Amino acid sequence: MATEEIDGLSVDLDQLPPELSDLAPEVRRWAVRDEGELAQRVEAATTDELAAFWLRASQEFPAIKAYLDANVEGSPSNEALVLGATAEAALAAAAEIERRTGQRPGE
């Protein structure tokens, strides 16, 4: 059990299902629950960084949704909180890409 602090939460990313374990680097970088801080991170990232993040995270949206659906009963785990924040960050990245380029990612 390797716990680490992400967005002020004690998290063990080894608790994520195997299909989501490859998202650990994105979770570490992008899991931010504060909207202002997320906006700053997104604004500071290059369009290429945002596109790479969006591509990686959006491919896992079905698995993320399944994990969150199974882990939000009662009090969600810290792992669910940071995974949800990562998905929100990916959506913010897509919106920023569209703002910068005039196109939705993948079009």
N, C-alpha and C. Protein backbone atom coordinates (compact mmCIF):
# COMPACT_ATOMS: atom_id res chain seq x y z
N MET A 1 0.85 -1.18 0.00
CA MET A 1 0.00 0.00 0.00
C MET A 1 0.89 1.24 0.00
N ALA A 2 0.89 1.96 -1.11
CA ALA A 2 1.75 3.14 -1.26
C ALA A 2 0.88 4.38 -1.26
N THR A 3 0.71 4.98 -0.10
CA THR A 3 -0.11 6.18 -0.05
C THR A 3 0.74 7.40 -0.38
N GLU A 4 0.09 8.37 -0.98
CA GLU A 4 0.72 9.64 -1.32
C GLU A 4 -0.33 10.72 -1.18
N GLU A 5 0.12 11.95 -1.14
CA GLU A 5 -0.82 13.06 -1.03
C GLU A 5 -1.07 13.66 -2.41
N ILE A 6 -2.34 13.71 -2.77
CA ILE A 6 -2.77 14.33 -4.03
C ILE A 6 -3.91 15.27 -3.70
N ASP A 7 -3.75 16.53 -4.03
CA ASP A 7 -4.78 17.54 -3.77
C ASP A 7 -5.20 17.54 -2.31
N GLY A 8 -4.23 17.37 -1.42
CA GLY A 8 -4.49 17.41 0.02
C GLY A 8 -5.12 16.16 0.58
N LEU A 9 -5.24 15.12 -0.22
CA LEU A 9 -5.86 13.88 0.23
C LEU A 9 -4.83 12.76 0.26
N SER A 10 -4.94 11.89 1.24
CA SER A 10 -4.11 10.70 1.31
C SER A 10 -4.73 9.65 0.38
N VAL A 11 -3.97 9.27 -0.65
CA VAL A 11 -4.50 8.43 -1.72
C VAL A 11 -3.56 7.25 -1.96
N ASP A 12 -4.14 6.10 -2.25
CA ASP A 12 -3.38 4.93 -2.67
C ASP A 12 -3.85 4.57 -4.07
N LEU A 13 -3.11 5.02 -5.07
CA LEU A 13 -3.51 4.78 -6.45
C LEU A 13 -3.44 3.30 -6.82
N ASP A 14 -2.76 2.50 -6.00
CA ASP A 14 -2.76 1.05 -6.23
C ASP A 14 -4.14 0.45 -5.99
N GLN A 15 -5.04 1.21 -5.37
CA GLN A 15 -6.40 0.74 -5.12
C GLN A 15 -7.29 0.88 -6.35
N LEU A 16 -6.82 1.60 -7.35
CA LEU A 16 -7.61 1.74 -8.58
C LEU A 16 -7.61 0.41 -9.33
N PRO A 17 -8.67 0.13 -10.08
CA PRO A 17 -8.69 -1.10 -10.86
C PRO A 17 -7.57 -1.10 -11.90
N PRO A 18 -7.13 -2.28 -12.32
CA PRO A 18 -6.00 -2.36 -13.27
C PRO A 18 -6.19 -1.52 -14.53
N GLU A 19 -7.42 -1.45 -15.05
CA GLU A 19 -7.63 -0.69 -16.29
C GLU A 19 -7.44 0.81 -16.10
N LEU A 20 -7.40 1.28 -14.84
CA LEU A 20 -7.20 2.71 -14.58
C LEU A 20 -5.82 3.02 -14.00
N SER A 21 -5.04 1.99 -13.73
CA SER A 21 -3.74 2.22 -13.09
C SER A 21 -2.79 3.04 -13.97
N ASP A 22 -2.95 2.94 -15.30
CA ASP A 22 -2.09 3.71 -16.20
C ASP A 22 -2.38 5.21 -16.15
N LEU A 23 -3.50 5.60 -15.54
CA LEU A 23 -3.84 7.02 -15.43
C LEU A 23 -3.15 7.70 -14.25
N ALA A 24 -2.38 6.96 -13.47
CA ALA A 24 -1.76 7.53 -12.26
C ALA A 24 -1.00 8.83 -12.54
N PRO A 25 -0.18 8.92 -13.60
CA PRO A 25 0.53 10.18 -13.84
C PRO A 25 -0.43 11.35 -14.07
N GLU A 26 -1.51 11.10 -14.80
CA GLU A 26 -2.49 12.15 -15.05
C GLU A 26 -3.20 12.54 -13.75
N VAL A 27 -3.52 11.57 -12.93
CA VAL A 27 -4.16 11.86 -11.64
C VAL A 27 -3.24 12.72 -10.79
N ARG A 28 -1.97 12.36 -10.75
CA ARG A 28 -1.02 13.13 -9.94
C ARG A 28 -0.91 14.58 -10.42
N ARG A 29 -0.96 14.79 -11.71
CA ARG A 29 -0.79 16.15 -12.25
C ARG A 29 -2.09 16.95 -12.25
N TRP A 30 -3.21 16.32 -12.56
CA TRP A 30 -4.42 17.06 -12.87
C TRP A 30 -5.53 16.98 -11.84
N ALA A 31 -5.42 16.12 -10.84
CA ALA A 31 -6.50 16.00 -9.85
C ALA A 31 -6.49 17.21 -8.93
N VAL A 32 -7.33 18.17 -9.24
CA VAL A 32 -7.45 19.40 -8.46
C VAL A 32 -8.94 19.69 -8.31
N ARG A 33 -9.40 19.75 -7.07
CA ARG A 33 -10.82 20.00 -6.85
C ARG A 33 -11.17 21.48 -6.79
N ASP A 34 -10.19 22.33 -6.62
CA ASP A 34 -10.41 23.78 -6.58
C ASP A 34 -10.48 24.32 -8.01
N GLU A 35 -11.61 24.89 -8.37
CA GLU A 35 -11.82 25.36 -9.75
C GLU A 35 -10.82 26.43 -10.17
N GLY A 36 -10.47 27.33 -9.26
CA GLY A 36 -9.51 28.38 -9.58
C GLY A 36 -8.13 27.82 -9.87
N GLU A 37 -7.70 26.88 -9.04
CA GLU A 37 -6.39 26.27 -9.26
C GLU A 37 -6.38 25.44 -10.54
N LEU A 38 -7.48 24.73 -10.80
CA LEU A 38 -7.57 23.96 -12.04
C LEU A 38 -7.48 24.89 -13.24
N ALA A 39 -8.20 25.99 -13.20
CA ALA A 39 -8.17 26.95 -14.31
C ALA A 39 -6.75 27.45 -14.56
N GLN A 40 -6.01 27.70 -13.49
CA GLN A 40 -4.61 28.16 -13.64
C GLN A 40 -3.75 27.08 -14.29
N ARG A 41 -3.92 25.83 -13.86
CA ARG A 41 -3.13 24.74 -14.44
C ARG A 41 -3.45 24.56 -15.92
N VAL A 42 -4.72 24.61 -16.25
CA VAL A 42 -5.12 24.44 -17.64
C VAL A 42 -4.58 25.58 -18.49
N GLU A 43 -4.69 26.79 -18.00
CA GLU A 43 -4.21 27.96 -18.74
C GLU A 43 -2.69 27.89 -18.95
N ALA A 44 -1.96 27.39 -17.96
CA ALA A 44 -0.51 27.33 -18.04
C ALA A 44 0.00 26.22 -18.95
N ALA A 45 -0.82 25.22 -19.21
CA ALA A 45 -0.40 24.09 -20.04
C ALA A 45 -0.43 24.47 -21.51
N THR A 46 0.44 23.84 -22.27
CA THR A 46 0.42 24.06 -23.72
C THR A 46 -0.77 23.31 -24.31
N THR A 47 -1.14 23.70 -25.50
CA THR A 47 -2.24 23.02 -26.19
C THR A 47 -1.88 21.56 -26.43
N ASP A 48 -0.64 21.28 -26.75
CA ASP A 48 -0.21 19.89 -26.95
C ASP A 48 -0.33 19.08 -25.65
N GLU A 49 0.05 19.68 -24.52
CA GLU A 49 -0.09 18.98 -23.24
C GLU A 49 -1.56 18.69 -22.94
N LEU A 50 -2.40 19.68 -23.18
CA LEU A 50 -3.83 19.50 -22.94
C LEU A 50 -4.41 18.42 -23.85
N ALA A 51 -3.99 18.43 -25.11
CA ALA A 51 -4.49 17.43 -26.06
C ALA A 51 -4.06 16.02 -25.66
N ALA A 52 -2.82 15.87 -25.23
CA ALA A 52 -2.34 14.56 -24.80
C ALA A 52 -3.10 14.08 -23.57
N PHE A 53 -3.33 14.99 -22.63
CA PHE A 53 -4.10 14.66 -21.43
C PHE A 53 -5.53 14.26 -21.80
N TRP A 54 -6.17 15.07 -22.62
CA TRP A 54 -7.54 14.78 -23.04
C TRP A 54 -7.63 13.40 -23.72
N LEU A 55 -6.72 13.16 -24.64
CA LEU A 55 -6.74 11.90 -25.37
C LEU A 55 -6.59 10.72 -24.40
N ARG A 56 -5.66 10.82 -23.51
CA ARG A 56 -5.40 9.73 -22.55
C ARG A 56 -6.60 9.53 -21.62
N ALA A 57 -7.08 10.60 -21.01
CA ALA A 57 -8.14 10.49 -20.01
C ALA A 57 -9.48 10.14 -20.63
N SER A 58 -9.81 10.75 -21.77
CA SER A 58 -11.13 10.53 -22.35
C SER A 58 -11.32 9.08 -22.80
N GLN A 59 -10.25 8.42 -23.16
CA GLN A 59 -10.34 7.00 -23.53
C GLN A 59 -10.81 6.14 -22.36
N GLU A 60 -10.55 6.63 -21.16
CA GLU A 60 -10.89 5.86 -19.96
C GLU A 60 -12.20 6.31 -19.30
N PHE A 61 -12.92 7.25 -19.93
CA PHE A 61 -14.16 7.73 -19.31
C PHE A 61 -15.14 6.62 -18.94
N PRO A 62 -15.36 5.61 -19.79
CA PRO A 62 -16.28 4.55 -19.37
C PRO A 62 -15.81 3.82 -18.09
N ALA A 63 -14.51 3.53 -18.02
CA ALA A 63 -13.98 2.85 -16.83
C ALA A 63 -14.02 3.78 -15.61
N ILE A 64 -13.75 5.06 -15.82
CA ILE A 64 -13.83 6.02 -14.72
C ILE A 64 -15.26 6.10 -14.20
N LYS A 65 -16.23 6.20 -15.11
CA LYS A 65 -17.63 6.27 -14.70
C LYS A 65 -18.03 5.03 -13.94
N ALA A 66 -17.64 3.86 -14.42
CA ALA A 66 -17.97 2.61 -13.74
C ALA A 66 -17.39 2.59 -12.33
N TYR A 67 -16.13 3.03 -12.20
CA TYR A 67 -15.48 3.06 -10.89
C TYR A 67 -16.20 4.03 -9.96
N LEU A 68 -16.49 5.22 -10.47
CA LEU A 68 -17.16 6.22 -9.63
C LEU A 68 -18.56 5.75 -9.24
N ASP A 69 -19.29 5.16 -10.17
CA ASP A 69 -20.63 4.66 -9.85
C ASP A 69 -20.59 3.61 -8.74
N ALA A 70 -19.54 2.80 -8.74
CA ALA A 70 -19.41 1.74 -7.74
C ALA A 70 -18.84 2.24 -6.42
N ASN A 71 -18.27 3.45 -6.39
CA ASN A 71 -17.57 3.90 -5.20
C ASN A 71 -18.06 5.22 -4.62
N VAL A 72 -19.26 5.63 -4.96
CA VAL A 72 -19.76 6.88 -4.39
C VAL A 72 -20.88 6.68 -3.38
N GLU A 73 -21.24 5.44 -3.13
CA GLU A 73 -22.24 5.18 -2.10
C GLU A 73 -21.71 5.69 -0.75
N GLY A 74 -22.55 6.41 -0.05
CA GLY A 74 -22.12 6.94 1.25
C GLY A 74 -21.05 7.99 1.07
N SER A 75 -19.92 7.75 1.64
CA SER A 75 -18.80 8.68 1.57
C SER A 75 -17.78 8.16 0.55
N PRO A 76 -17.56 8.89 -0.55
CA PRO A 76 -16.62 8.40 -1.57
C PRO A 76 -15.20 8.31 -1.04
N SER A 77 -14.47 7.35 -1.54
CA SER A 77 -13.06 7.20 -1.15
C SER A 77 -12.25 8.37 -1.70
N ASN A 78 -11.10 8.59 -1.11
CA ASN A 78 -10.20 9.62 -1.64
C ASN A 78 -9.78 9.30 -3.06
N GLU A 79 -9.62 8.01 -3.36
CA GLU A 79 -9.27 7.61 -4.72
C GLU A 79 -10.37 8.01 -5.70
N ALA A 80 -11.63 7.82 -5.30
CA ALA A 80 -12.75 8.22 -6.16
C ALA A 80 -12.76 9.74 -6.33
N LEU A 81 -12.46 10.48 -5.27
CA LEU A 81 -12.45 11.94 -5.36
C LEU A 81 -11.40 12.44 -6.35
N VAL A 82 -10.19 11.89 -6.28
CA VAL A 82 -9.15 12.38 -7.19
C VAL A 82 -9.38 11.88 -8.62
N LEU A 83 -9.97 10.71 -8.77
CA LEU A 83 -10.29 10.23 -10.11
C LEU A 83 -11.39 11.09 -10.73
N GLY A 84 -12.39 11.45 -9.96
CA GLY A 84 -13.43 12.35 -10.44
C GLY A 84 -12.87 13.71 -10.80
N ALA A 85 -11.95 14.21 -9.98
CA ALA A 85 -11.32 15.50 -10.27
C ALA A 85 -10.50 15.43 -11.55
N THR A 86 -9.88 14.30 -11.80
CA THR A 86 -9.10 14.13 -13.03
C THR A 86 -10.02 14.15 -14.25
N ALA A 87 -11.16 13.49 -14.15
CA ALA A 87 -12.12 13.51 -15.26
C ALA A 87 -12.63 14.93 -15.51
N GLU A 88 -12.91 15.67 -14.45
CA GLU A 88 -13.34 17.07 -14.60
C GLU A 88 -12.24 17.90 -15.24
N ALA A 89 -11.00 17.64 -14.86
CA ALA A 89 -9.87 18.37 -15.45
C ALA A 89 -9.76 18.06 -16.95
N ALA A 90 -10.02 16.82 -17.33
CA ALA A 90 -9.97 16.47 -18.75
C ALA A 90 -11.03 17.24 -19.53
N LEU A 91 -12.20 17.37 -18.96
CA LEU A 91 -13.26 18.15 -19.62
C LEU A 91 -12.86 19.62 -19.72
N ALA A 92 -12.21 20.13 -18.68
CA ALA A 92 -11.72 21.52 -18.73
C ALA A 92 -10.64 21.67 -19.79
N ALA A 93 -9.79 20.65 -19.93
CA ALA A 93 -8.75 20.68 -20.96
C ALA A 93 -9.39 20.71 -22.35
N ALA A 94 -10.43 19.90 -22.55
CA ALA A 94 -11.12 19.89 -23.85
C ALA A 94 -11.73 21.26 -24.16
N ALA A 95 -12.32 21.88 -23.15
CA ALA A 95 -12.92 23.20 -23.36
C ALA A 95 -11.85 24.23 -23.70
N GLU A 96 -10.70 24.13 -23.06
CA GLU A 96 -9.61 25.08 -23.33
C GLU A 96 -9.03 24.85 -24.73
N ILE A 97 -8.92 23.60 -25.14
CA ILE A 97 -8.45 23.31 -26.49
C ILE A 97 -9.40 23.93 -27.51
N GLU A 98 -10.70 23.76 -27.29
CA GLU A 98 -11.68 24.34 -28.20
C GLU A 98 -11.59 25.87 -28.21
N ARG A 99 -11.38 26.46 -27.04
CA ARG A 99 -11.26 27.92 -26.97
C ARG A 99 -10.03 28.40 -27.77
N ARG A 100 -8.93 27.67 -27.62
CA ARG A 100 -7.70 28.08 -28.29
C ARG A 100 -7.71 27.82 -29.80
N THR A 101 -8.30 26.71 -30.21
CA THR A 101 -8.18 26.29 -31.61
C THR A 101 -9.46 26.47 -32.40
N GLY A 102 -10.58 26.63 -31.71
CA GLY A 102 -11.85 26.72 -32.41
C GLY A 102 -12.43 25.36 -32.77
N GLN A 103 -11.74 24.30 -32.35
CA GLN A 103 -12.22 22.93 -32.63
C GLN A 103 -12.22 22.10 -31.38
N ARG A 104 -13.22 21.24 -31.30
CA ARG A 104 -13.27 20.29 -30.20
C ARG A 104 -12.16 19.26 -30.42
N PRO A 105 -11.55 18.76 -29.34
CA PRO A 105 -10.49 17.76 -29.50
C PRO A 105 -11.02 16.55 -30.26
N GLY A 106 -10.19 16.04 -31.17
CA GLY A 106 -10.54 14.85 -31.92
C GLY A 106 -11.30 15.14 -33.21
N GLU A 107 -11.63 16.39 -33.45
CA GLU A 107 -12.35 16.72 -34.70
C GLU A 107 -11.37 17.07 -35.79
